[in-house]
Amino acid sequence: QSHDIQLQTNGEDVTVRVNGTTGDYTVVYGQQPSVTYRVVGNTSWMGNWDAASDAGLMTEIEPRKFQKCFKNVQPGIYEYQITKNGTWDGAYGDAGDNCILNVGQTCDVTFTLTISIYGELDSLDVDCVAILAGDMNGDGRRNMGDVAKLYAHIRGSQPLGQEALGNADFTGDGKINMGDTAGLYAHIRRNI
């Protein structure tokens, strides 16, 4: 566990970065410049190799921990790197090469980047959470409760939340309508 101690001396900002595990520390004088990280790759949702594209801009969720989630990623093999401050200088890849993301089924992909107290890559985790078309309540199964939720959404009586909307297109035609409700119902009946 690492943490920063902010001090001020003679009117100047001073940051002491302490590694709680090893006790190592560094002293940094002056205002620290903000750093941005982006997931940049070979597809439009990753900015088509534009190092400064905001398509893959990561959000700092904790000090030195950045995250970007891409929703409804389609099956395929994708290449990517992590850029720093919108340039390729110091980009994180696989020993200088592009990293490979192999998506077997439609899923939400989350990249989590952790930077060490010294400003270097500590870890990069990539998680894929599969999307099960027709699963409106996120329990990993399709049942009559999912049909009822989808029907209520289409009728306008109870809109689905953002997560459920990603699973609502059961037929895969890019629309959410009664065809999805009928298809989901028929699928459940066949598998009872």
N, C-alpha and C. Protein backbone atom coordinates (compact mmCIF):
# COMPACT_ATOMS: atom_id res chain seq x y z
N GLN A 1 0.85 -1.18 0.00
CA GLN A 1 0.00 0.00 0.00
C GLN A 1 0.89 1.23 0.00
N SER A 2 0.64 2.16 -0.92
CA SER A 2 1.43 3.37 -1.03
C SER A 2 0.54 4.58 -0.82
N HIS A 3 1.15 5.68 -0.38
CA HIS A 3 0.37 6.90 -0.23
C HIS A 3 1.28 8.12 -0.37
N ASP A 4 0.65 9.24 -0.70
CA ASP A 4 1.37 10.51 -0.84
C ASP A 4 1.10 11.37 0.38
N ILE A 5 2.12 12.08 0.81
CA ILE A 5 1.99 13.06 1.88
C ILE A 5 2.24 14.43 1.25
N GLN A 6 1.26 15.31 1.30
CA GLN A 6 1.38 16.64 0.72
C GLN A 6 1.86 17.62 1.79
N LEU A 7 2.91 18.35 1.50
CA LEU A 7 3.46 19.35 2.41
C LEU A 7 3.66 20.66 1.66
N GLN A 8 3.92 21.71 2.39
CA GLN A 8 4.29 22.97 1.76
C GLN A 8 5.42 23.57 2.57
N THR A 9 6.49 23.97 1.88
CA THR A 9 7.62 24.58 2.55
C THR A 9 8.09 25.77 1.74
N ASN A 10 8.29 26.87 2.40
CA ASN A 10 8.70 28.11 1.74
C ASN A 10 7.80 28.45 0.55
N GLY A 11 6.51 28.15 0.69
CA GLY A 11 5.55 28.48 -0.36
C GLY A 11 5.54 27.52 -1.53
N GLU A 12 6.36 26.44 -1.49
CA GLU A 12 6.40 25.47 -2.58
C GLU A 12 5.73 24.17 -2.14
N ASP A 13 5.02 23.54 -3.09
CA ASP A 13 4.43 22.24 -2.80
C ASP A 13 5.51 21.17 -2.79
N VAL A 14 5.39 20.26 -1.83
CA VAL A 14 6.30 19.13 -1.74
C VAL A 14 5.45 17.88 -1.54
N THR A 15 5.72 16.84 -2.32
CA THR A 15 5.02 15.57 -2.18
C THR A 15 6.03 14.51 -1.78
N VAL A 16 5.72 13.79 -0.71
CA VAL A 16 6.55 12.66 -0.29
C VAL A 16 5.74 11.41 -0.62
N ARG A 17 6.26 10.61 -1.55
CA ARG A 17 5.59 9.37 -1.94
C ARG A 17 6.21 8.23 -1.15
N VAL A 18 5.37 7.57 -0.34
CA VAL A 18 5.84 6.53 0.56
C VAL A 18 5.25 5.19 0.15
N ASN A 19 6.11 4.18 -0.03
CA ASN A 19 5.67 2.83 -0.29
C ASN A 19 5.48 2.17 1.07
N GLY A 20 4.21 1.89 1.42
CA GLY A 20 3.89 1.33 2.73
C GLY A 20 4.43 -0.06 2.96
N THR A 21 4.74 -0.79 1.89
CA THR A 21 5.26 -2.15 2.03
C THR A 21 6.75 -2.15 2.30
N THR A 22 7.49 -1.38 1.51
CA THR A 22 8.96 -1.40 1.64
C THR A 22 9.50 -0.25 2.47
N GLY A 23 8.72 0.81 2.66
CA GLY A 23 9.19 1.98 3.37
C GLY A 23 9.97 2.94 2.49
N ASP A 24 10.19 2.58 1.21
CA ASP A 24 10.90 3.47 0.29
C ASP A 24 10.08 4.73 0.08
N TYR A 25 10.77 5.84 -0.14
CA TYR A 25 10.06 7.08 -0.40
C TYR A 25 10.82 7.93 -1.41
N THR A 26 10.10 8.80 -2.07
CA THR A 26 10.70 9.79 -2.96
C THR A 26 10.09 11.14 -2.60
N VAL A 27 10.88 12.19 -2.80
CA VAL A 27 10.42 13.55 -2.53
C VAL A 27 10.34 14.27 -3.87
N VAL A 28 9.17 14.86 -4.13
CA VAL A 28 8.94 15.57 -5.39
C VAL A 28 8.58 17.00 -5.06
N TYR A 29 9.33 17.95 -5.63
CA TYR A 29 9.10 19.37 -5.37
C TYR A 29 8.25 19.96 -6.49
N GLY A 30 7.36 20.86 -6.12
CA GLY A 30 6.54 21.56 -7.11
C GLY A 30 5.26 20.81 -7.41
N GLN A 31 4.42 21.44 -8.20
CA GLN A 31 3.12 20.88 -8.59
C GLN A 31 3.32 19.70 -9.53
N GLN A 32 2.65 18.61 -9.26
CA GLN A 32 2.76 17.44 -10.11
C GLN A 32 1.85 17.60 -11.33
N PRO A 33 2.39 17.39 -12.52
CA PRO A 33 1.54 17.50 -13.71
C PRO A 33 0.53 16.34 -13.76
N SER A 34 -0.65 16.62 -14.25
CA SER A 34 -1.63 15.54 -14.37
C SER A 34 -1.23 14.63 -15.53
N VAL A 35 -1.54 13.37 -15.39
CA VAL A 35 -1.19 12.37 -16.38
C VAL A 35 -2.47 11.72 -16.86
N THR A 36 -2.58 11.52 -18.17
CA THR A 36 -3.73 10.81 -18.72
C THR A 36 -3.26 9.54 -19.40
N TYR A 37 -4.10 8.52 -19.32
CA TYR A 37 -3.82 7.25 -19.97
C TYR A 37 -5.01 6.89 -20.85
N ARG A 38 -4.71 6.22 -21.97
CA ARG A 38 -5.75 5.83 -22.92
C ARG A 38 -5.49 4.41 -23.40
N VAL A 39 -6.57 3.66 -23.60
CA VAL A 39 -6.50 2.37 -24.28
C VAL A 39 -6.66 2.69 -25.76
N VAL A 40 -5.62 2.42 -26.55
CA VAL A 40 -5.63 2.77 -27.97
C VAL A 40 -5.36 1.51 -28.78
N GLY A 41 -6.22 1.27 -29.79
CA GLY A 41 -6.04 0.04 -30.55
C GLY A 41 -6.56 0.12 -31.97
N ASN A 42 -6.75 -1.07 -32.55
CA ASN A 42 -7.04 -1.20 -33.97
C ASN A 42 -8.53 -1.21 -34.31
N THR A 43 -9.34 -0.53 -33.53
CA THR A 43 -10.77 -0.46 -33.81
C THR A 43 -11.28 0.92 -33.38
N SER A 44 -12.42 1.32 -33.92
CA SER A 44 -12.92 2.67 -33.65
C SER A 44 -13.21 2.89 -32.17
N TRP A 45 -13.68 1.87 -31.45
CA TRP A 45 -13.98 2.08 -30.04
C TRP A 45 -12.72 2.20 -29.19
N MET A 46 -11.56 1.93 -29.79
CA MET A 46 -10.28 2.18 -29.13
C MET A 46 -9.49 3.27 -29.86
N GLY A 47 -10.15 4.07 -30.69
CA GLY A 47 -9.51 5.23 -31.29
C GLY A 47 -8.72 5.02 -32.56
N ASN A 48 -8.78 3.83 -33.16
CA ASN A 48 -8.07 3.56 -34.43
C ASN A 48 -6.61 4.01 -34.41
N TRP A 49 -5.90 3.63 -33.39
CA TRP A 49 -4.46 3.92 -33.22
C TRP A 49 -4.14 5.41 -33.07
N ASP A 50 -5.11 6.24 -32.73
CA ASP A 50 -4.86 7.65 -32.46
C ASP A 50 -4.51 7.78 -30.97
N ALA A 51 -3.23 8.05 -30.68
CA ALA A 51 -2.74 8.07 -29.31
C ALA A 51 -3.46 9.08 -28.43
N ALA A 52 -4.05 10.11 -29.03
CA ALA A 52 -4.73 11.17 -28.25
C ALA A 52 -6.25 11.05 -28.31
N SER A 53 -6.78 9.99 -28.90
CA SER A 53 -8.23 9.82 -29.02
C SER A 53 -8.86 9.66 -27.64
N ASP A 54 -9.99 10.32 -27.44
CA ASP A 54 -10.70 10.19 -26.17
C ASP A 54 -11.59 8.95 -26.12
N ALA A 55 -11.64 8.17 -27.19
CA ALA A 55 -12.47 6.96 -27.19
C ALA A 55 -12.05 6.01 -26.06
N GLY A 56 -10.75 5.92 -25.79
CA GLY A 56 -10.27 5.01 -24.76
C GLY A 56 -9.72 5.71 -23.54
N LEU A 57 -10.11 6.97 -23.32
CA LEU A 57 -9.60 7.74 -22.17
C LEU A 57 -9.97 7.04 -20.86
N MET A 58 -8.98 6.79 -20.03
CA MET A 58 -9.18 6.11 -18.76
C MET A 58 -9.49 7.13 -17.66
N THR A 59 -10.26 6.71 -16.67
CA THR A 59 -10.64 7.53 -15.53
C THR A 59 -9.84 7.09 -14.31
N GLU A 60 -9.32 8.06 -13.56
CA GLU A 60 -8.60 7.72 -12.33
C GLU A 60 -9.63 7.41 -11.25
N ILE A 61 -9.71 6.14 -10.84
CA ILE A 61 -10.71 5.71 -9.86
C ILE A 61 -10.16 5.72 -8.43
N GLU A 62 -8.84 5.69 -8.31
CA GLU A 62 -8.12 5.81 -7.04
C GLU A 62 -6.78 6.44 -7.39
N PRO A 63 -6.06 6.94 -6.41
CA PRO A 63 -4.74 7.47 -6.76
C PRO A 63 -3.89 6.41 -7.48
N ARG A 64 -3.40 6.78 -8.67
CA ARG A 64 -2.56 5.92 -9.52
C ARG A 64 -3.26 4.67 -10.03
N LYS A 65 -4.59 4.65 -10.02
CA LYS A 65 -5.34 3.51 -10.56
C LYS A 65 -6.36 4.05 -11.56
N PHE A 66 -6.24 3.61 -12.82
CA PHE A 66 -7.05 4.12 -13.91
C PHE A 66 -7.86 2.98 -14.52
N GLN A 67 -9.07 3.34 -15.05
CA GLN A 67 -9.95 2.30 -15.57
C GLN A 67 -10.73 2.80 -16.78
N LYS A 68 -10.98 1.88 -17.71
CA LYS A 68 -11.84 2.16 -18.86
C LYS A 68 -12.64 0.90 -19.15
N CYS A 69 -13.97 1.08 -19.29
CA CYS A 69 -14.85 -0.04 -19.62
C CYS A 69 -15.47 0.19 -20.98
N PHE A 70 -15.37 -0.79 -21.85
CA PHE A 70 -16.02 -0.77 -23.16
C PHE A 70 -17.20 -1.73 -23.10
N LYS A 71 -18.39 -1.25 -23.45
CA LYS A 71 -19.61 -2.04 -23.36
C LYS A 71 -19.87 -2.78 -24.67
N ASN A 72 -20.45 -3.95 -24.57
CA ASN A 72 -20.93 -4.74 -25.71
C ASN A 72 -19.87 -4.95 -26.78
N VAL A 73 -18.68 -5.36 -26.39
CA VAL A 73 -17.60 -5.64 -27.33
C VAL A 73 -17.93 -6.94 -28.07
N GLN A 74 -17.88 -6.87 -29.39
CA GLN A 74 -18.22 -8.02 -30.21
C GLN A 74 -17.05 -8.99 -30.31
N PRO A 75 -17.31 -10.28 -30.58
CA PRO A 75 -16.23 -11.26 -30.70
C PRO A 75 -15.21 -10.84 -31.76
N GLY A 76 -13.96 -11.10 -31.48
CA GLY A 76 -12.89 -10.78 -32.42
C GLY A 76 -11.55 -10.73 -31.70
N ILE A 77 -10.51 -10.51 -32.48
CA ILE A 77 -9.16 -10.37 -31.93
C ILE A 77 -8.75 -8.92 -32.16
N TYR A 78 -8.40 -8.24 -31.07
CA TYR A 78 -8.07 -6.83 -31.12
C TYR A 78 -6.64 -6.61 -30.61
N GLU A 79 -5.97 -5.60 -31.14
CA GLU A 79 -4.64 -5.21 -30.69
C GLU A 79 -4.74 -3.85 -30.02
N TYR A 80 -3.93 -3.63 -29.00
CA TYR A 80 -3.99 -2.34 -28.28
C TYR A 80 -2.69 -2.08 -27.54
N GLN A 81 -2.51 -0.82 -27.13
CA GLN A 81 -1.48 -0.39 -26.21
C GLN A 81 -2.10 0.67 -25.30
N ILE A 82 -1.42 0.99 -24.22
CA ILE A 82 -1.86 2.07 -23.32
C ILE A 82 -0.93 3.25 -23.56
N THR A 83 -1.50 4.40 -23.95
CA THR A 83 -0.68 5.59 -24.18
C THR A 83 -0.71 6.50 -22.96
N LYS A 84 0.32 7.32 -22.87
CA LYS A 84 0.47 8.24 -21.74
C LYS A 84 0.48 9.66 -22.28
N ASN A 85 -0.41 10.50 -21.76
CA ASN A 85 -0.50 11.91 -22.14
C ASN A 85 -0.71 12.12 -23.64
N GLY A 86 -1.42 11.20 -24.28
CA GLY A 86 -1.79 11.37 -25.68
C GLY A 86 -0.66 11.20 -26.67
N THR A 87 0.44 10.57 -26.26
CA THR A 87 1.56 10.33 -27.18
C THR A 87 1.98 8.86 -27.09
N TRP A 88 2.79 8.44 -28.04
CA TRP A 88 3.31 7.08 -28.02
C TRP A 88 4.57 6.96 -27.16
N ASP A 89 5.11 8.10 -26.70
CA ASP A 89 6.29 8.06 -25.83
C ASP A 89 5.93 7.35 -24.53
N GLY A 90 6.61 6.28 -24.26
CA GLY A 90 6.37 5.55 -23.01
C GLY A 90 5.09 4.73 -23.02
N ALA A 91 4.54 4.40 -24.20
CA ALA A 91 3.32 3.59 -24.28
C ALA A 91 3.57 2.20 -23.69
N TYR A 92 2.54 1.64 -23.05
CA TYR A 92 2.65 0.31 -22.47
C TYR A 92 2.08 -0.72 -23.44
N GLY A 93 2.90 -1.68 -23.78
CA GLY A 93 2.46 -2.77 -24.63
C GLY A 93 2.98 -4.07 -24.06
N ASP A 94 3.16 -5.04 -24.90
CA ASP A 94 3.68 -6.35 -24.50
C ASP A 94 5.14 -6.41 -24.93
N ALA A 95 6.04 -5.95 -24.06
CA ALA A 95 7.48 -5.87 -24.35
C ALA A 95 7.71 -5.08 -25.64
N GLY A 96 6.98 -3.97 -25.79
CA GLY A 96 7.14 -3.12 -26.96
C GLY A 96 6.20 -3.45 -28.10
N ASP A 97 5.62 -4.64 -28.08
CA ASP A 97 4.66 -5.03 -29.12
C ASP A 97 3.25 -4.70 -28.66
N ASN A 98 2.30 -4.82 -29.60
CA ASN A 98 0.90 -4.62 -29.24
C ASN A 98 0.42 -5.75 -28.36
N CYS A 99 -0.45 -5.43 -27.43
CA CYS A 99 -1.12 -6.44 -26.61
C CYS A 99 -2.28 -7.00 -27.43
N ILE A 100 -2.66 -8.22 -27.15
CA ILE A 100 -3.76 -8.88 -27.87
C ILE A 100 -4.92 -9.11 -26.92
N LEU A 101 -6.12 -8.75 -27.39
CA LEU A 101 -7.36 -9.01 -26.66
C LEU A 101 -8.19 -9.93 -27.53
N ASN A 102 -8.43 -11.15 -27.06
CA ASN A 102 -9.21 -12.14 -27.80
C ASN A 102 -10.58 -12.28 -27.13
N VAL A 103 -11.61 -11.79 -27.80
CA VAL A 103 -12.97 -11.81 -27.26
C VAL A 103 -13.74 -12.93 -27.94
N GLY A 104 -14.16 -13.93 -27.17
CA GLY A 104 -14.86 -15.08 -27.73
C GLY A 104 -16.35 -14.90 -27.88
N GLN A 105 -16.95 -14.07 -27.03
CA GLN A 105 -18.39 -13.80 -27.12
C GLN A 105 -18.62 -12.36 -26.67
N THR A 106 -19.76 -11.81 -27.05
CA THR A 106 -20.06 -10.42 -26.71
C THR A 106 -19.93 -10.22 -25.20
N CYS A 107 -19.18 -9.18 -24.83
CA CYS A 107 -18.94 -8.95 -23.41
C CYS A 107 -18.61 -7.48 -23.15
N ASP A 108 -18.61 -7.10 -21.89
CA ASP A 108 -18.10 -5.82 -21.46
C ASP A 108 -16.65 -6.03 -21.06
N VAL A 109 -15.75 -5.20 -21.59
CA VAL A 109 -14.32 -5.34 -21.34
C VAL A 109 -13.85 -4.16 -20.49
N THR A 110 -13.23 -4.45 -19.34
CA THR A 110 -12.73 -3.42 -18.45
C THR A 110 -11.22 -3.53 -18.33
N PHE A 111 -10.53 -2.42 -18.62
CA PHE A 111 -9.09 -2.31 -18.46
C PHE A 111 -8.82 -1.56 -17.17
N THR A 112 -7.96 -2.11 -16.31
CA THR A 112 -7.59 -1.45 -15.06
C THR A 112 -6.06 -1.36 -15.01
N LEU A 113 -5.57 -0.11 -14.99
CA LEU A 113 -4.13 0.17 -15.01
C LEU A 113 -3.72 0.71 -13.65
N THR A 114 -2.68 0.13 -13.07
CA THR A 114 -2.14 0.62 -11.80
C THR A 114 -0.71 1.10 -12.05
N ILE A 115 -0.43 2.32 -11.59
CA ILE A 115 0.88 2.94 -11.77
C ILE A 115 1.60 2.96 -10.42
N SER A 116 2.89 2.63 -10.41
CA SER A 116 3.66 2.62 -9.16
C SER A 116 3.90 4.04 -8.67
N ILE A 117 4.37 4.17 -7.46
CA ILE A 117 4.65 5.49 -6.90
C ILE A 117 5.76 6.18 -7.68
N TYR A 118 6.49 5.43 -8.48
CA TYR A 118 7.57 6.01 -9.28
C TYR A 118 7.10 6.36 -10.69
N GLY A 119 5.80 6.22 -10.96
CA GLY A 119 5.25 6.58 -12.25
C GLY A 119 5.40 5.52 -13.32
N GLU A 120 5.71 4.30 -12.93
CA GLU A 120 5.89 3.21 -13.89
C GLU A 120 4.72 2.24 -13.81
N LEU A 121 4.54 1.46 -14.86
CA LEU A 121 3.48 0.46 -14.90
C LEU A 121 3.67 -0.54 -13.77
N ASP A 122 2.64 -0.70 -12.95
CA ASP A 122 2.65 -1.70 -11.89
C ASP A 122 1.89 -2.93 -12.35
N SER A 123 0.67 -2.70 -12.89
CA SER A 123 -0.11 -3.82 -13.40
C SER A 123 -1.15 -3.33 -14.40
N LEU A 124 -1.55 -4.21 -15.30
CA LEU A 124 -2.63 -3.96 -16.24
C LEU A 124 -3.51 -5.21 -16.24
N ASP A 125 -4.74 -5.05 -15.78
CA ASP A 125 -5.69 -6.16 -15.74
C ASP A 125 -6.78 -5.91 -16.77
N VAL A 126 -7.17 -6.95 -17.48
CA VAL A 126 -8.25 -6.87 -18.47
C VAL A 126 -9.28 -7.93 -18.11
N ASP A 127 -10.51 -7.48 -17.84
CA ASP A 127 -11.59 -8.39 -17.47
C ASP A 127 -12.69 -8.33 -18.51
N CYS A 128 -13.20 -9.49 -18.91
CA CYS A 128 -14.34 -9.58 -19.83
C CYS A 128 -15.51 -10.19 -19.08
N VAL A 129 -16.62 -9.47 -19.05
CA VAL A 129 -17.83 -9.99 -18.42
C VAL A 129 -18.83 -10.30 -19.54
N ALA A 130 -19.12 -11.57 -19.71
CA ALA A 130 -19.98 -12.00 -20.81
C ALA A 130 -21.38 -11.43 -20.68
N ILE A 131 -21.95 -11.11 -21.82
CA ILE A 131 -23.31 -10.61 -21.89
C ILE A 131 -24.19 -11.78 -22.35
N LEU A 132 -25.22 -12.08 -21.59
CA LEU A 132 -26.13 -13.14 -21.94
C LEU A 132 -27.41 -12.51 -22.45
N ALA A 133 -27.58 -12.50 -23.75
CA ALA A 133 -28.77 -11.88 -24.35
C ALA A 133 -30.03 -12.48 -23.74
N GLY A 134 -30.91 -11.61 -23.26
CA GLY A 134 -32.17 -12.05 -22.66
C GLY A 134 -32.15 -12.08 -21.14
N ASP A 135 -30.96 -11.95 -20.53
CA ASP A 135 -30.86 -11.97 -19.07
C ASP A 135 -31.05 -10.54 -18.55
N MET A 136 -32.29 -10.20 -18.21
CA MET A 136 -32.62 -8.82 -17.82
C MET A 136 -32.21 -8.48 -16.39
N ASN A 137 -32.14 -9.49 -15.51
CA ASN A 137 -31.83 -9.19 -14.10
C ASN A 137 -30.39 -9.54 -13.72
N GLY A 138 -29.58 -9.99 -14.67
CA GLY A 138 -28.16 -10.22 -14.43
C GLY A 138 -27.83 -11.41 -13.57
N ASP A 139 -28.75 -12.39 -13.47
CA ASP A 139 -28.47 -13.56 -12.63
C ASP A 139 -27.79 -14.70 -13.40
N GLY A 140 -27.48 -14.48 -14.70
CA GLY A 140 -26.81 -15.49 -15.49
C GLY A 140 -27.72 -16.54 -16.09
N ARG A 141 -29.04 -16.34 -15.96
CA ARG A 141 -30.02 -17.29 -16.51
C ARG A 141 -31.09 -16.53 -17.27
N ARG A 142 -31.77 -17.24 -18.17
CA ARG A 142 -32.93 -16.68 -18.86
C ARG A 142 -34.16 -17.40 -18.33
N ASN A 143 -35.14 -16.63 -17.85
CA ASN A 143 -36.36 -17.25 -17.34
C ASN A 143 -37.54 -16.32 -17.58
N MET A 144 -38.72 -16.72 -17.11
CA MET A 144 -39.93 -15.94 -17.36
C MET A 144 -39.88 -14.56 -16.70
N GLY A 145 -39.13 -14.41 -15.62
CA GLY A 145 -38.96 -13.10 -15.01
C GLY A 145 -38.27 -12.13 -15.98
N ASP A 146 -37.33 -12.65 -16.79
CA ASP A 146 -36.66 -11.82 -17.79
C ASP A 146 -37.63 -11.41 -18.90
N VAL A 147 -38.51 -12.34 -19.29
CA VAL A 147 -39.52 -12.02 -20.30
C VAL A 147 -40.42 -10.90 -19.79
N ALA A 148 -40.86 -11.01 -18.53
CA ALA A 148 -41.75 -10.00 -17.95
C ALA A 148 -41.07 -8.63 -17.91
N LYS A 149 -39.79 -8.58 -17.52
CA LYS A 149 -39.06 -7.31 -17.46
C LYS A 149 -38.92 -6.70 -18.86
N LEU A 150 -38.61 -7.52 -19.84
CA LEU A 150 -38.45 -7.03 -21.20
C LEU A 150 -39.78 -6.51 -21.75
N TYR A 151 -40.84 -7.26 -21.50
CA TYR A 151 -42.17 -6.84 -21.96
C TYR A 151 -42.58 -5.51 -21.31
N ALA A 152 -42.34 -5.37 -20.01
CA ALA A 152 -42.68 -4.12 -19.31
C ALA A 152 -41.88 -2.94 -19.87
N HIS A 153 -40.64 -3.19 -20.24
CA HIS A 153 -39.82 -2.13 -20.84
C HIS A 153 -40.39 -1.70 -22.18
N ILE A 154 -40.72 -2.65 -23.01
CA ILE A 154 -41.24 -2.34 -24.35
C ILE A 154 -42.58 -1.63 -24.25
N ARG A 155 -43.40 -2.02 -23.30
CA ARG A 155 -44.71 -1.37 -23.11
C ARG A 155 -44.57 0.02 -22.48
N GLY A 156 -43.40 0.31 -21.91
CA GLY A 156 -43.16 1.62 -21.33
C GLY A 156 -43.56 1.74 -19.87
N SER A 157 -43.96 0.63 -19.25
CA SER A 157 -44.41 0.71 -17.86
C SER A 157 -43.26 0.63 -16.85
N GLN A 158 -42.14 0.02 -17.23
CA GLN A 158 -41.01 -0.08 -16.32
C GLN A 158 -39.72 -0.18 -17.15
N PRO A 159 -39.06 0.98 -17.41
CA PRO A 159 -37.84 0.99 -18.22
C PRO A 159 -36.72 0.17 -17.58
N LEU A 160 -35.95 -0.48 -18.42
CA LEU A 160 -34.80 -1.25 -17.96
C LEU A 160 -33.64 -0.32 -17.61
N GLY A 161 -32.82 -0.75 -16.67
CA GLY A 161 -31.60 -0.02 -16.34
C GLY A 161 -30.56 -0.21 -17.44
N GLN A 162 -29.49 0.54 -17.36
CA GLN A 162 -28.45 0.52 -18.39
C GLN A 162 -27.85 -0.87 -18.58
N GLU A 163 -27.57 -1.57 -17.50
CA GLU A 163 -26.97 -2.90 -17.61
C GLU A 163 -27.90 -3.87 -18.34
N ALA A 164 -29.18 -3.85 -17.97
CA ALA A 164 -30.14 -4.77 -18.60
C ALA A 164 -30.35 -4.45 -20.07
N LEU A 165 -30.27 -3.17 -20.42
CA LEU A 165 -30.45 -2.79 -21.83
C LEU A 165 -29.43 -3.46 -22.73
N GLY A 166 -28.21 -3.68 -22.21
CA GLY A 166 -27.18 -4.35 -23.00
C GLY A 166 -27.53 -5.79 -23.32
N ASN A 167 -28.43 -6.39 -22.56
CA ASN A 167 -28.83 -7.78 -22.77
C ASN A 167 -30.20 -7.91 -23.44
N ALA A 168 -30.87 -6.79 -23.70
CA ALA A 168 -32.27 -6.82 -24.14
C ALA A 168 -32.46 -7.23 -25.60
N ASP A 169 -31.47 -7.01 -26.44
CA ASP A 169 -31.61 -7.34 -27.87
C ASP A 169 -31.38 -8.83 -28.07
N PHE A 170 -32.38 -9.64 -27.74
CA PHE A 170 -32.25 -11.10 -27.80
C PHE A 170 -32.03 -11.60 -29.22
N THR A 171 -32.68 -10.98 -30.19
CA THR A 171 -32.57 -11.44 -31.58
C THR A 171 -31.30 -10.95 -32.26
N GLY A 172 -30.63 -9.95 -31.68
CA GLY A 172 -29.38 -9.45 -32.25
C GLY A 172 -29.55 -8.59 -33.48
N ASP A 173 -30.74 -8.01 -33.67
CA ASP A 173 -30.97 -7.18 -34.86
C ASP A 173 -30.72 -5.70 -34.62
N GLY A 174 -30.22 -5.34 -33.44
CA GLY A 174 -29.92 -3.95 -33.14
C GLY A 174 -31.12 -3.15 -32.64
N LYS A 175 -32.26 -3.81 -32.45
CA LYS A 175 -33.47 -3.14 -31.96
C LYS A 175 -34.00 -3.90 -30.75
N ILE A 176 -34.71 -3.16 -29.89
CA ILE A 176 -35.37 -3.80 -28.75
C ILE A 176 -36.86 -3.65 -28.99
N ASN A 177 -37.52 -4.79 -29.29
CA ASN A 177 -38.95 -4.74 -29.61
C ASN A 177 -39.61 -6.07 -29.23
N MET A 178 -40.87 -6.23 -29.65
CA MET A 178 -41.64 -7.44 -29.30
C MET A 178 -41.02 -8.71 -29.89
N GLY A 179 -40.24 -8.57 -30.96
CA GLY A 179 -39.54 -9.73 -31.51
C GLY A 179 -38.58 -10.32 -30.50
N ASP A 180 -37.94 -9.46 -29.70
CA ASP A 180 -37.03 -9.94 -28.66
C ASP A 180 -37.80 -10.67 -27.56
N THR A 181 -38.96 -10.12 -27.19
CA THR A 181 -39.79 -10.77 -26.17
C THR A 181 -40.25 -12.14 -26.65
N ALA A 182 -40.74 -12.20 -27.89
CA ALA A 182 -41.22 -13.47 -28.45
C ALA A 182 -40.09 -14.48 -28.57
N GLY A 183 -38.93 -14.03 -29.05
CA GLY A 183 -37.79 -14.93 -29.20
C GLY A 183 -37.31 -15.48 -27.86
N LEU A 184 -37.26 -14.60 -26.86
CA LEU A 184 -36.84 -15.03 -25.53
C LEU A 184 -37.83 -16.02 -24.94
N TYR A 185 -39.12 -15.73 -25.08
CA TYR A 185 -40.16 -16.62 -24.58
C TYR A 185 -40.05 -18.00 -25.24
N ALA A 186 -39.89 -18.02 -26.58
CA ALA A 186 -39.79 -19.30 -27.31
C ALA A 186 -38.54 -20.06 -26.86
N HIS A 187 -37.44 -19.37 -26.65
CA HIS A 187 -36.20 -20.02 -26.21
C HIS A 187 -36.40 -20.68 -24.84
N ILE A 188 -37.04 -19.96 -23.93
CA ILE A 188 -37.27 -20.50 -22.58
C ILE A 188 -38.19 -21.72 -22.65
N ARG A 189 -39.25 -21.63 -23.46
CA ARG A 189 -40.21 -22.77 -23.60
C ARG A 189 -39.50 -24.01 -24.15
N ARG A 190 -38.60 -23.82 -25.10
CA ARG A 190 -37.88 -24.96 -25.69
C ARG A 190 -36.95 -25.63 -24.66
N ASN A 191 -36.47 -24.86 -23.70
CA ASN A 191 -35.47 -25.37 -22.77
C ASN A 191 -36.02 -25.72 -21.39
N ILE A 192 -37.34 -25.81 -21.28
CA ILE A 192 -37.95 -26.21 -20.00
C ILE A 192 -37.98 -27.71 -19.90
